[in-house]
Amino acid sequence: MKLSNEGLKCSSWKEKGYKLFDYDRNELVRKTHDAPVWVHFGAGNIFRGFPARLQQELIEKGLADKGIIVGEGFDYEIISDIYNKYDNLTLLVTLKADGSIDKEAVGTVTEAYPCDYTPSDAWNRFKEIFSSPSLQMISFTITEKGYALKSPAGEYFPGYVKDFEAGPGKGSMFLSRLTELLLCRYNAGKLPLAVVSMDNCSHNGEKIEAAITSIAAEWVRRGYVEQGFADYIASDKVSFPWSMIDKITPRPDASVAGMLASDGYEDTDVVVTSKHTYIASFVNAEECEYLVIEDDFPNGRPALENAGVYFTDRETVNKVEKMKVCTCLNPLHTALAVFGCLLGYTLISKEMKDEDLVKLVKTIGYTEGLPVVVDPGIIDPKKFIDEVVNVRIPNPFMPDTPQRIATDTSQKLSIRFGETIKAYCASSELDVRNLKCIPLVFAAWLRYVMGTDDEGNAFEPSADPLLDYAREALSGITLGYTGSLDQLHEILSNQKIFGVNLYDVGLADLVLEYFKSMIAGPGAVRATLKRVVG
């Protein structure tokens, strides 16, 4: 059982319960080559485990006859060591909360290339594709930082400064080369196209639009391209739809590889590239998935609504994002991350066997969050939380750790909890002082910053840009401390961290009470948690 065009002919696949596609893949490759409709940039696991499978569903339903062409702009070893090696096939392993797995071969990727000038035949192929009138959309899973042209200080990264000066044809950065491909489409007759970010970040379409617009403007300013190209990017012929994507596709897991090997599957090796990408012939992913896209496609689009994708307007996409990030998923994850580190957990899923922590996240989600949730109308917020609490987070296959989720917590609290507090303050019917578990998470974060778990053992908090600032605010406070906590006034007033001044909204005293309780000594975190959640 080897993952290749020839290997899929082996009878063992079906005998072992693997699902194989039944379409003519050679014909799919031919049709896609001659009239491409979809190019995806970002060859990693989220694409292979989600959009690639969605297109397979359309093909198997007879609703599409074209595959997807893949470009990789960052880690070219993925193309050589995973795509080329396995004939552009992927084995998708869906990990279910009941402990079972589904195994499916996905064959919708018909071509895959590094998005660079070498090899020249790959670059020439991209130019040909972008000049094709049939191309409807290009999509991206390149992570949020992939769209950044500037440093946090607001200065252009040196690579982009170099690319602005060099002009088209000499781009060292992926987005410069992408903008050059859009220039090819402009020169081919100002052909329409949708540029669709599928990255897990708010207003993602806005981010890629800003980047491409900036590059085009710099080229216009230097006389490399005519103003008409910038006008084309800004016209209704090129759209930048917003989207919300939600599906966990973690690194290839050793236990999954072991299960596959026991079936006789031979290609279980995990590749760690020189750029630290962990990838294998198989993708392990959770069952639950959501993709919501603004329906703005000037050249048409695949009928992905028949594979479960929600197409809607921009406002609704934004509402879905807020529902997830501010109420139904991310706050629960952050609460589990902070308490998990303090209570000695190393897997988020195992925390969901802890009665106190289950009560905590249910209170945050259902009791404190739902009364002010942003309801997008197309997805029921309560059902979303039900799935998160009962299916997604407890999934024993998901190797997510509280230590990883706790990264950059200071940057997350204002959105994941602060928006709920603001909504309570703005309500004429709700009293912000009735919030108990959200202030408990704030207190737990301060306790976490101390770097001492609930048994009194030292640990290193996860990376966070404000970790040193928070540590300084807590300077001199140790387990058993009974003195004044007036020194915390500045940090609890910091709206950038909490989204509000906790003193102004009347929650600071409760946070201080909880924090004082948590630093009483070993076991105090657990005792405080148990007292608050009842």
Protein backbone atom coordinates (compact mmCIF):
# COMPACT_ATOMS: atom_id res chain seq x y z
CA MET A 1 0.00 0.00 0.00
CA LYS A 2 2.00 2.91 -1.35
CA LEU A 3 0.56 6.34 -2.11
CA SER A 4 1.04 6.72 -5.87
CA ASN A 5 -1.02 6.45 -9.02
CA GLU A 6 0.18 2.89 -9.46
CA GLY A 7 0.01 2.01 -5.77
CA LEU A 8 -3.70 2.87 -5.53
CA LYS A 9 -4.42 -0.10 -7.79
CA CYS A 10 -3.60 -2.43 -4.90
CA SER A 11 -6.69 -4.27 -3.64
CA SER A 12 -5.62 -3.94 -0.01
CA TRP A 13 -6.81 -0.33 0.21
CA LYS A 14 -10.50 -1.17 0.05
CA GLU A 15 -10.04 -4.33 2.08
CA LYS A 16 -8.61 -2.19 4.89
CA GLY A 17 -11.48 0.32 4.74
CA TYR A 18 -9.78 3.15 2.82
CA LYS A 19 -11.96 5.27 0.56
CA LEU A 20 -10.57 5.72 -2.95
CA PHE A 21 -11.86 8.23 -5.50
CA ASP A 22 -13.60 6.77 -8.53
CA TYR A 23 -13.07 9.51 -11.12
CA ASP A 24 -10.61 9.32 -14.03
CA ARG A 25 -7.66 11.21 -12.60
CA ASN A 26 -5.76 11.30 -15.90
CA GLU A 27 -8.74 13.01 -17.50
CA LEU A 28 -8.95 15.41 -14.55
CA VAL A 29 -5.29 16.33 -15.00
CA ARG A 30 -5.78 16.94 -18.72
CA LYS A 31 -8.86 19.10 -18.34
CA THR A 32 -7.31 21.14 -15.54
CA HIS A 33 -4.14 21.73 -17.53
CA ASP A 34 -6.07 22.93 -20.58
CA ALA A 35 -8.54 25.16 -18.74
CA PRO A 36 -7.48 25.83 -15.13
CA VAL A 37 -10.07 27.27 -12.74
CA TRP A 38 -8.41 27.24 -9.30
CA VAL A 39 -4.85 27.84 -8.11
CA HIS A 40 -4.01 27.52 -4.43
CA PHE A 41 -0.88 28.96 -2.78
CA GLY A 42 0.27 27.39 0.47
CA ALA A 43 0.83 23.66 0.09
CA GLY A 44 0.54 22.69 3.75
CA ASN A 45 -1.78 20.52 5.79
CA ILE A 46 -4.81 22.78 6.09
CA PHE A 47 -5.14 22.96 2.31
CA ARG A 48 -4.56 19.26 1.79
CA GLY A 49 -7.01 18.31 4.52
CA PHE A 50 -9.80 20.76 3.69
CA PRO A 51 -10.12 22.68 0.36
CA ALA A 52 -8.53 19.85 -1.64
CA ARG A 53 -11.07 17.41 -0.24
CA LEU A 54 -13.96 19.82 -0.84
CA GLN A 55 -13.15 19.90 -4.55
CA GLN A 56 -13.03 16.10 -4.59
CA GLU A 57 -16.57 16.04 -3.21
CA LEU A 58 -17.73 18.26 -6.08
CA ILE A 59 -16.01 16.08 -8.66
CA GLU A 60 -17.50 12.90 -7.25
CA LYS A 61 -20.97 14.51 -7.32
CA GLY A 62 -20.48 15.44 -10.97
CA LEU A 63 -20.48 19.16 -10.12
CA ALA A 64 -16.91 19.85 -11.24
CA ASP A 65 -14.46 18.34 -13.70
CA LYS A 66 -11.31 20.33 -12.84
CA GLY A 67 -8.79 19.93 -10.06
CA ILE A 68 -6.57 22.40 -8.23
CA ILE A 69 -3.10 23.60 -9.19
CA VAL A 70 -0.82 24.24 -6.21
CA GLY A 71 1.93 26.77 -5.74
CA GLU A 72 4.24 27.03 -2.74
CA GLY A 73 5.93 30.34 -2.07
CA PHE A 74 7.85 29.63 1.12
CA ASP A 75 8.94 26.02 1.68
CA TYR A 76 9.80 24.42 -1.64
CA GLU A 77 10.77 21.12 -0.02
CA ILE A 78 7.07 20.43 0.48
CA ILE A 79 6.68 20.25 -3.29
CA SER A 80 9.67 17.98 -3.89
CA ASP A 81 9.39 15.75 -0.82
CA ILE A 82 5.61 15.42 -0.52
CA TYR A 83 3.77 16.43 -3.68
CA ASN A 84 6.15 15.18 -6.36
CA LYS A 85 7.09 12.06 -4.41
CA TYR A 86 3.48 10.93 -4.03
CA ASP A 87 2.11 11.93 -7.45
CA ASN A 88 0.34 14.93 -5.84
CA LEU A 89 -1.87 12.57 -3.84
CA THR A 90 -2.79 12.97 -0.17
CA LEU A 91 -4.09 10.44 2.33
CA LEU A 92 -6.57 12.27 4.55
CA VAL A 93 -7.06 10.71 7.99
CA THR A 94 -10.09 12.14 9.79
CA LEU A 95 -9.83 11.75 13.55
CA LYS A 96 -13.19 11.43 15.26
CA ALA A 97 -14.01 12.16 18.87
CA ASP A 98 -15.30 8.62 19.39
CA GLY A 99 -11.81 7.27 18.71
CA SER A 100 -12.48 6.02 15.17
CA ILE A 101 -10.79 7.24 12.00
CA ASP A 102 -11.78 7.63 8.35
CA LYS A 103 -9.12 7.24 5.67
CA GLU A 104 -9.51 8.73 2.21
CA ALA A 105 -7.20 9.25 -0.76
CA VAL A 106 -7.53 12.74 -2.25
CA GLY A 107 -6.50 13.23 -5.86
CA THR A 108 -7.66 16.72 -6.78
CA VAL A 109 -4.21 18.32 -6.97
CA THR A 110 -3.20 17.99 -10.61
CA GLU A 111 -0.01 20.08 -10.69
CA ALA A 112 2.25 21.46 -7.97
CA TYR A 113 5.21 23.83 -8.32
CA PRO A 114 7.41 26.15 -6.31
CA CYS A 115 6.28 29.72 -6.98
CA ASP A 116 9.69 30.96 -8.04
CA TYR A 117 11.64 31.75 -11.16
CA THR A 118 13.45 28.44 -11.02
CA PRO A 119 12.75 26.00 -12.43
CA SER A 120 11.81 28.23 -15.35
CA ASP A 121 9.26 25.78 -16.73
CA ALA A 122 7.27 26.02 -13.47
CA TRP A 123 7.31 29.82 -13.57
CA ASN A 124 6.33 29.85 -17.23
CA ARG A 125 3.47 27.50 -16.38
CA PHE A 126 2.20 29.92 -13.73
CA LYS A 127 2.33 32.77 -16.24
CA GLU A 128 0.36 30.62 -18.68
CA ILE A 129 -2.23 29.78 -16.02
CA PHE A 130 -2.68 33.41 -14.99
CA SER A 131 -3.15 34.38 -18.62
CA SER A 132 -5.95 31.83 -19.04
CA PRO A 133 -9.50 33.26 -19.29
CA SER A 134 -10.84 30.15 -17.51
CA LEU A 135 -9.08 30.91 -14.18
CA GLN A 136 -11.71 31.83 -11.62
CA MET A 137 -9.95 32.00 -8.27
CA ILE A 138 -6.64 31.88 -6.51
CA SER A 139 -6.69 31.02 -2.82
CA PHE A 140 -4.17 31.13 0.02
CA THR A 141 -3.22 29.41 3.25
CA ILE A 142 0.10 31.15 3.90
CA THR A 143 -0.52 32.16 7.57
CA GLU A 144 -1.30 35.69 8.69
CA LYS A 145 2.35 36.75 8.76
CA GLY A 146 2.62 35.84 5.06
CA TYR A 147 0.69 39.01 4.18
CA ALA A 148 2.92 41.40 6.12
CA LEU A 149 5.06 43.81 4.12
CA LYS A 150 6.14 45.83 7.15
CA SER A 151 7.71 45.21 10.55
CA PRO A 152 5.79 46.02 13.75
CA ALA A 153 7.64 49.34 13.69
CA GLY A 154 5.93 50.18 10.39
CA GLU A 155 8.98 49.84 8.16
CA TYR A 156 9.00 47.77 4.98
CA PHE A 157 10.96 44.53 5.30
CA PRO A 158 14.29 44.70 3.42
CA GLY A 159 13.16 42.04 0.95
CA TYR A 160 10.24 44.16 -0.19
CA VAL A 161 12.35 47.32 -0.36
CA LYS A 162 14.65 45.40 -2.68
CA ASP A 163 11.71 44.16 -4.75
CA PHE A 164 10.24 47.66 -5.11
CA GLU A 165 13.55 48.88 -6.49
CA ALA A 166 14.08 45.85 -8.75
CA GLY A 167 10.58 45.77 -10.24
CA PRO A 168 8.66 42.89 -11.85
CA GLY A 169 10.65 39.84 -12.88
CA LYS A 170 13.13 40.08 -10.01
CA GLY A 171 10.99 39.48 -6.95
CA SER A 172 12.65 37.88 -3.95
CA MET A 173 9.44 37.77 -1.88
CA PHE A 174 6.40 35.61 -2.59
CA LEU A 175 3.86 38.44 -2.71
CA SER A 176 6.05 40.34 -5.18
CA ARG A 177 6.01 37.31 -7.49
CA LEU A 178 2.27 36.92 -6.99
CA THR A 179 1.71 40.55 -7.96
CA GLU A 180 3.80 39.91 -11.06
CA LEU A 181 1.48 37.03 -11.98
CA LEU A 182 -1.49 39.37 -11.61
CA LEU A 183 0.36 41.71 -13.98
CA CYS A 184 0.38 38.82 -16.49
CA ARG A 185 -3.39 38.58 -16.11
CA TYR A 186 -3.72 42.31 -16.65
CA ASN A 187 -1.58 42.14 -19.78
CA ALA A 188 -3.65 39.21 -21.06
CA GLY A 189 -6.68 41.47 -21.30
CA LYS A 190 -7.53 42.66 -17.79
CA LEU A 191 -9.10 39.29 -17.07
CA PRO A 192 -11.34 38.94 -13.98
CA LEU A 193 -10.26 36.97 -10.92
CA ALA A 194 -11.10 36.36 -7.25
CA VAL A 195 -8.16 36.51 -4.82
CA VAL A 196 -9.34 34.52 -1.81
CA SER A 197 -7.45 34.30 1.46
CA MET A 198 -8.42 31.21 3.45
CA ASP A 199 -6.11 31.99 6.33
CA ASN A 200 -7.36 31.98 9.89
CA CYS A 201 -7.21 35.70 10.57
CA SER A 202 -9.80 38.46 10.76
CA HIS A 203 -10.46 40.49 7.61
CA ASN A 204 -8.08 38.25 5.68
CA GLY A 205 -9.19 39.52 2.28
CA GLU A 206 -8.39 43.04 3.38
CA LYS A 207 -4.87 41.98 4.35
CA ILE A 208 -3.93 40.47 0.99
CA GLU A 209 -5.61 43.31 -0.88
CA ALA A 210 -3.55 45.86 1.03
CA ALA A 211 -0.32 43.98 0.34
CA ILE A 212 -0.87 43.58 -3.41
CA THR A 213 -2.13 47.14 -3.76
CA SER A 214 0.99 48.45 -2.01
CA ILE A 215 3.36 46.49 -4.24
CA ALA A 216 1.56 47.62 -7.40
CA ALA A 217 1.65 51.25 -6.22
CA GLU A 218 5.39 51.08 -5.58
CA TRP A 219 5.97 49.71 -9.08
CA VAL A 220 3.79 52.43 -10.59
CA ARG A 221 5.70 55.08 -8.63
CA ARG A 222 8.99 53.86 -10.07
CA GLY A 223 7.67 53.60 -13.61
CA TYR A 224 7.87 49.81 -13.91
CA VAL A 225 4.16 49.41 -14.65
CA GLU A 226 1.46 51.74 -15.89
CA GLN A 227 -1.21 53.22 -13.65
CA GLY A 228 -3.72 51.01 -15.43
CA PHE A 229 -2.37 47.97 -13.56
CA ALA A 230 -3.05 49.56 -10.18
CA ASP A 231 -6.48 50.61 -11.43
CA TYR A 232 -7.15 47.00 -12.51
CA ILE A 233 -6.27 45.71 -9.03
CA ALA A 234 -8.67 48.26 -7.54
CA SER A 235 -11.47 47.59 -10.03
CA ASP A 236 -14.40 45.20 -9.78
CA LYS A 237 -12.54 42.82 -12.09
CA VAL A 238 -10.36 41.74 -9.15
CA SER A 239 -12.06 40.83 -5.89
CA PHE A 240 -10.62 40.09 -2.46
CA PRO A 241 -13.36 38.17 -0.62
CA TRP A 242 -13.18 37.78 3.14
CA SER A 243 -13.46 34.30 4.59
CA MET A 244 -13.56 32.41 7.87
CA ILE A 245 -11.95 28.99 8.04
CA ASP A 246 -12.03 26.62 11.00
CA LYS A 247 -10.56 23.13 10.99
CA ILE A 248 -7.73 21.72 13.09
CA THR A 249 -5.05 19.99 11.00
CA PRO A 250 -2.13 19.45 13.38
CA ARG A 251 1.29 18.06 12.59
CA PRO A 252 1.34 14.43 11.41
CA ASP A 253 0.97 12.38 14.56
CA ALA A 254 3.06 9.33 15.46
CA SER A 255 0.04 7.41 16.75
CA VAL A 256 -1.76 7.96 13.45
CA ALA A 257 1.31 6.82 11.54
CA GLY A 258 1.34 3.69 13.69
CA MET A 259 -2.29 2.90 12.91
CA LEU A 260 -1.65 3.33 9.20
CA ALA A 261 1.46 1.17 9.33
CA SER A 262 -0.53 -1.61 11.02
CA ASP A 263 -2.82 -1.59 7.97
CA GLY A 264 0.16 -2.11 5.69
CA TYR A 265 0.45 1.49 4.56
CA GLU A 266 4.11 2.07 3.77
CA ASP A 267 4.46 5.85 3.39
CA THR A 268 4.33 6.93 7.03
CA ASP A 269 7.62 8.85 7.16
CA VAL A 270 7.32 12.40 8.52
CA VAL A 271 9.41 15.01 6.73
CA VAL A 272 10.83 17.94 8.71
CA THR A 273 12.03 20.45 6.16
CA SER A 274 14.90 22.86 6.61
CA LYS A 275 12.27 25.54 7.31
CA HIS A 276 10.80 23.38 10.11
CA THR A 277 7.63 22.30 8.35
CA TYR A 278 6.33 18.98 9.67
CA ILE A 279 4.57 17.17 6.85
CA ALA A 280 3.91 13.65 5.60
CA SER A 281 2.10 11.81 2.83
CA PHE A 282 -0.90 11.76 5.16
CA VAL A 283 -2.78 14.59 6.84
CA ASN A 284 -4.49 13.99 10.19
CA ALA A 285 -7.40 16.34 10.85
CA GLU A 286 -10.45 16.74 13.03
CA GLU A 287 -13.87 15.95 11.61
CA CYS A 288 -15.47 19.34 12.25
CA GLU A 289 -14.91 22.01 9.64
CA TYR A 290 -16.27 25.40 8.63
CA LEU A 291 -15.52 27.59 5.62
CA VAL A 292 -17.50 30.79 5.10
CA ILE A 293 -16.64 32.97 2.09
CA GLU A 294 -17.87 36.32 0.85
CA ASP A 295 -19.61 35.58 -2.46
CA ASP A 296 -17.71 37.97 -4.72
CA PHE A 297 -16.29 36.10 -7.72
CA PRO A 298 -16.12 38.21 -10.90
CA ASN A 299 -15.25 35.22 -13.14
CA GLY A 300 -17.50 32.62 -11.51
CA ARG A 301 -16.47 29.98 -8.98
CA PRO A 302 -16.62 26.28 -8.10
CA ALA A 303 -19.98 25.24 -6.63
CA LEU A 304 -18.47 24.67 -3.19
CA GLU A 305 -21.78 25.31 -1.44
CA ASN A 306 -22.57 21.73 -2.47
CA ALA A 307 -19.65 20.59 -0.31
CA GLY A 308 -20.71 22.49 2.80
CA VAL A 309 -19.11 25.90 2.20
CA TYR A 310 -21.20 28.91 3.21
CA PHE A 311 -21.28 31.73 0.64
CA THR A 312 -22.60 34.99 1.98
CA ASP A 313 -21.93 38.73 2.25
CA ARG A 314 -18.94 40.38 3.88
CA GLU A 315 -20.84 41.49 6.97
CA THR A 316 -21.94 37.93 7.68
CA VAL A 317 -18.41 36.58 7.26
CA ASN A 318 -17.30 39.13 9.83
CA LYS A 319 -20.10 38.10 12.19
CA VAL A 320 -19.11 34.43 11.94
CA GLU A 321 -15.54 35.38 12.74
CA LYS A 322 -16.64 37.37 15.81
CA MET A 323 -18.94 34.56 16.94
CA LYS A 324 -16.06 32.11 16.90
CA VAL A 325 -13.27 34.32 18.21
CA CYS A 326 -15.16 36.30 20.84
CA THR A 327 -17.55 33.70 22.22
CA CYS A 328 -17.86 30.18 20.90
CA LEU A 329 -14.33 28.76 20.50
CA ASN A 330 -11.29 30.91 21.15
CA PRO A 331 -12.23 32.09 24.67
CA LEU A 332 -12.76 28.48 25.74
CA HIS A 333 -9.38 27.48 24.30
CA THR A 334 -7.59 30.33 26.09
CA ALA A 335 -9.24 29.51 29.42
CA LEU A 336 -8.16 25.88 29.11
CA ALA A 337 -4.64 26.91 28.06
CA VAL A 338 -3.99 29.12 31.09
CA PHE A 339 -5.53 26.77 33.64
CA GLY A 340 -4.01 23.73 31.92
CA CYS A 341 -0.50 25.08 32.40
CA LEU A 342 -1.18 25.87 36.05
CA LEU A 343 -2.74 22.48 36.76
CA GLY A 344 -0.09 20.39 35.04
CA TYR A 345 -1.94 19.30 31.89
CA THR A 346 -0.09 18.65 28.63
CA LEU A 347 -3.09 17.98 26.38
CA ILE A 348 -6.16 20.17 25.92
CA SER A 349 -8.30 17.07 25.32
CA LYS A 350 -7.43 15.62 28.73
CA GLU A 351 -8.57 18.83 30.40
CA MET A 352 -12.08 18.00 29.24
CA LYS A 353 -12.10 15.07 31.66
CA ASP A 354 -11.67 17.57 34.52
CA GLU A 355 -15.10 18.40 35.96
CA ASP A 356 -14.04 21.84 37.18
CA LEU A 357 -12.57 22.86 33.83
CA VAL A 358 -15.62 21.61 31.93
CA LYS A 359 -17.81 23.76 34.20
CA LEU A 360 -15.49 26.70 33.58
CA VAL A 361 -15.66 26.59 29.77
CA LYS A 362 -19.39 25.88 29.75
CA THR A 363 -20.00 28.89 31.96
CA ILE A 364 -17.83 31.13 29.79
CA GLY A 365 -19.51 29.92 26.62
CA TYR A 366 -23.13 29.34 27.49
CA THR A 367 -23.80 31.50 30.55
CA GLU A 368 -21.54 34.51 30.04
CA GLY A 369 -20.98 34.51 26.29
CA LEU A 370 -24.24 33.52 24.60
CA PRO A 371 -26.30 36.44 25.95
CA VAL A 372 -24.14 38.86 23.93
CA VAL A 373 -22.89 36.61 21.12
CA VAL A 374 -22.77 38.04 17.61
CA ASP A 375 -25.26 35.81 15.78
CA PRO A 376 -24.37 35.52 12.07
CA GLY A 377 -27.67 33.89 11.19
CA ILE A 378 -26.16 31.13 9.05
CA ILE A 379 -24.57 29.17 11.93
CA ASP A 380 -26.29 28.67 15.27
CA PRO A 381 -23.94 29.89 18.05
CA LYS A 382 -25.28 27.48 20.67
CA LYS A 383 -24.88 24.49 18.35
CA PHE A 384 -21.36 25.70 17.56
CA ILE A 385 -20.49 25.72 21.28
CA ASP A 386 -22.17 22.34 21.71
CA GLU A 387 -19.85 20.92 19.07
CA VAL A 388 -16.78 22.62 20.55
CA VAL A 389 -17.47 21.36 24.08
CA ASN A 390 -18.74 17.88 23.27
CA VAL A 391 -16.83 16.93 20.12
CA ARG A 392 -13.91 19.15 19.20
CA ILE A 393 -11.98 19.95 22.36
CA PRO A 394 -12.41 16.48 23.95
CA ASN A 395 -11.20 14.72 20.78
CA PRO A 396 -8.46 12.36 22.06
CA PHE A 397 -6.68 12.45 18.71
CA MET A 398 -6.06 16.20 18.80
CA PRO A 399 -2.49 16.66 20.12
CA ASP A 400 -2.98 20.33 21.02
CA THR A 401 -1.25 21.41 24.21
CA PRO A 402 -2.20 24.17 26.65
CA GLN A 403 1.40 25.35 26.41
CA ARG A 404 1.03 26.04 22.66
CA ILE A 405 -2.40 27.67 22.99
CA ALA A 406 -1.05 29.88 25.80
CA THR A 407 1.41 31.55 23.41
CA ASP A 408 0.81 35.33 23.10
CA THR A 409 -2.07 35.30 25.59
CA SER A 410 -1.63 39.01 26.29
CA GLN A 411 -2.53 39.66 22.64
CA LYS A 412 -5.67 37.52 22.82
CA LEU A 413 -7.46 38.53 26.01
CA SER A 414 -8.86 41.81 24.68
CA ILE A 415 -10.62 40.14 21.74
CA ARG A 416 -11.55 36.82 23.31
CA PHE A 417 -12.97 38.29 26.51
CA GLY A 418 -12.88 42.08 26.29
CA GLU A 419 -15.55 42.23 23.59
CA THR A 420 -17.96 40.32 25.83
CA ILE A 421 -17.30 42.74 28.69
CA LYS A 422 -17.94 45.72 26.38
CA ALA A 423 -21.22 44.17 25.24
CA TYR A 424 -22.33 43.75 28.86
CA CYS A 425 -21.44 47.36 29.61
CA ALA A 426 -23.42 48.53 26.59
CA SER A 427 -26.48 46.49 27.50
CA SER A 428 -29.41 47.96 29.42
CA GLU A 429 -30.46 44.48 30.57
CA LEU A 430 -27.19 42.85 31.63
CA ASP A 431 -24.92 43.66 34.56
CA VAL A 432 -21.20 43.26 33.92
CA ARG A 433 -20.73 42.51 37.63
CA ASN A 434 -22.50 39.19 37.07
CA LEU A 435 -19.48 37.94 35.12
CA LYS A 436 -17.55 35.50 37.28
CA CYS A 437 -15.54 33.15 35.06
CA ILE A 438 -14.13 35.70 32.64
CA PRO A 439 -12.55 37.65 35.56
CA LEU A 440 -11.35 34.28 36.86
CA VAL A 441 -9.42 33.72 33.61
CA PHE A 442 -7.82 37.17 33.95
CA ALA A 443 -6.71 36.32 37.48
CA ALA A 444 -5.44 32.95 36.33
CA TRP A 445 -3.39 34.62 33.60
CA LEU A 446 -1.68 36.83 36.19
CA ARG A 447 -1.06 33.71 38.27
CA TYR A 448 0.30 31.95 35.17
CA VAL A 449 2.73 34.80 34.46
CA MET A 450 4.38 34.05 37.83
CA GLY A 451 5.75 30.85 36.24
CA THR A 452 4.84 28.61 39.17
CA ASP A 453 2.24 25.86 38.82
CA ASP A 454 -0.38 24.94 41.39
CA GLU A 455 1.98 22.51 43.10
CA GLY A 456 4.62 25.18 43.52
CA ASN A 457 6.86 23.94 40.70
CA ALA A 458 8.51 26.43 38.37
CA PHE A 459 7.69 26.41 34.65
CA GLU A 460 8.51 28.70 31.76
CA PRO A 461 5.48 30.58 30.40
CA SER A 462 5.01 30.42 26.65
CA ALA A 463 6.39 33.17 24.43
CA ASP A 464 4.51 36.45 24.71
CA PRO A 465 5.55 39.99 23.66
CA LEU A 466 4.29 41.41 26.98
CA LEU A 467 5.63 38.68 29.24
CA ASP A 468 8.42 40.85 30.66
CA TYR A 469 5.97 43.72 31.22
CA ALA A 470 3.57 41.44 33.07
CA ARG A 471 6.36 39.90 35.14
CA GLU A 472 7.51 43.36 36.18
CA ALA A 473 3.97 44.21 37.25
CA LEU A 474 3.98 41.12 39.49
CA SER A 475 7.49 41.70 40.83
CA GLY A 476 7.84 40.64 44.46
CA ILE A 477 4.61 38.64 44.54
CA THR A 478 5.17 34.96 45.34
CA LEU A 479 3.10 32.07 46.67
CA GLY A 480 1.93 32.90 50.20
CA TYR A 481 2.17 36.66 49.63
CA THR A 482 -0.34 38.53 51.78
CA GLY A 483 0.65 42.13 51.21
CA SER A 484 -0.96 44.90 49.19
CA LEU A 485 -1.79 44.32 45.52
CA ASP A 486 -1.88 48.02 44.65
CA GLN A 487 1.04 47.48 42.27
CA LEU A 488 -1.34 45.65 39.89
CA HIS A 489 -3.34 48.82 39.24
CA GLU A 490 -1.40 49.69 36.10
CA ILE A 491 -1.70 46.31 34.41
CA LEU A 492 -5.38 45.88 35.32
CA SER A 493 -6.01 49.33 33.80
CA ASN A 494 -4.32 48.34 30.54
CA GLN A 495 -6.98 48.39 27.84
CA LYS A 496 -4.59 46.96 25.27
CA ILE A 497 -4.42 43.74 27.28
CA PHE A 498 -7.96 43.36 28.59
CA GLY A 499 -9.89 45.41 26.04
CA VAL A 500 -11.19 47.62 28.86
CA ASN A 501 -9.91 49.34 31.98
CA LEU A 502 -11.01 46.77 34.54
CA TYR A 503 -11.35 49.47 37.21
CA ASP A 504 -13.63 51.58 35.04
CA VAL A 505 -15.99 48.67 34.32
CA GLY A 506 -16.08 47.47 37.91
CA LEU A 507 -14.28 44.13 37.55
CA ALA A 508 -10.84 44.90 38.97
CA ASP A 509 -11.75 44.12 42.58
CA LEU A 510 -13.08 40.69 41.62
CA VAL A 511 -9.95 39.90 39.60
CA LEU A 512 -7.82 40.94 42.58
CA GLU A 513 -9.90 38.82 44.94
CA TYR A 514 -9.48 35.77 42.73
CA PHE A 515 -5.76 36.41 42.25
CA LYS A 516 -5.18 36.82 45.98
CA SER A 517 -6.98 33.53 46.53
CA MET A 518 -4.85 31.78 43.89
CA ILE A 519 -1.53 32.82 45.42
CA ALA A 520 -2.37 31.59 48.94
CA GLY A 521 -0.16 28.55 48.46
CA PRO A 522 0.07 25.19 46.67
CA GLY A 523 -3.37 23.94 45.63
CA ALA A 524 -4.90 27.41 45.76
CA VAL A 525 -5.57 27.59 42.01
CA ARG A 526 -7.63 24.42 42.13
CA ALA A 527 -9.44 25.53 45.28
CA THR A 528 -10.32 28.91 43.76
CA LEU A 529 -11.47 27.35 40.51
CA LYS A 530 -13.68 24.86 42.35
CA ARG A 531 -15.17 27.60 44.52
CA VAL A 532 -16.05 29.87 41.60
CA VAL A 533 -17.47 27.29 39.19
CA GLY A 534 -19.44 25.62 41.98
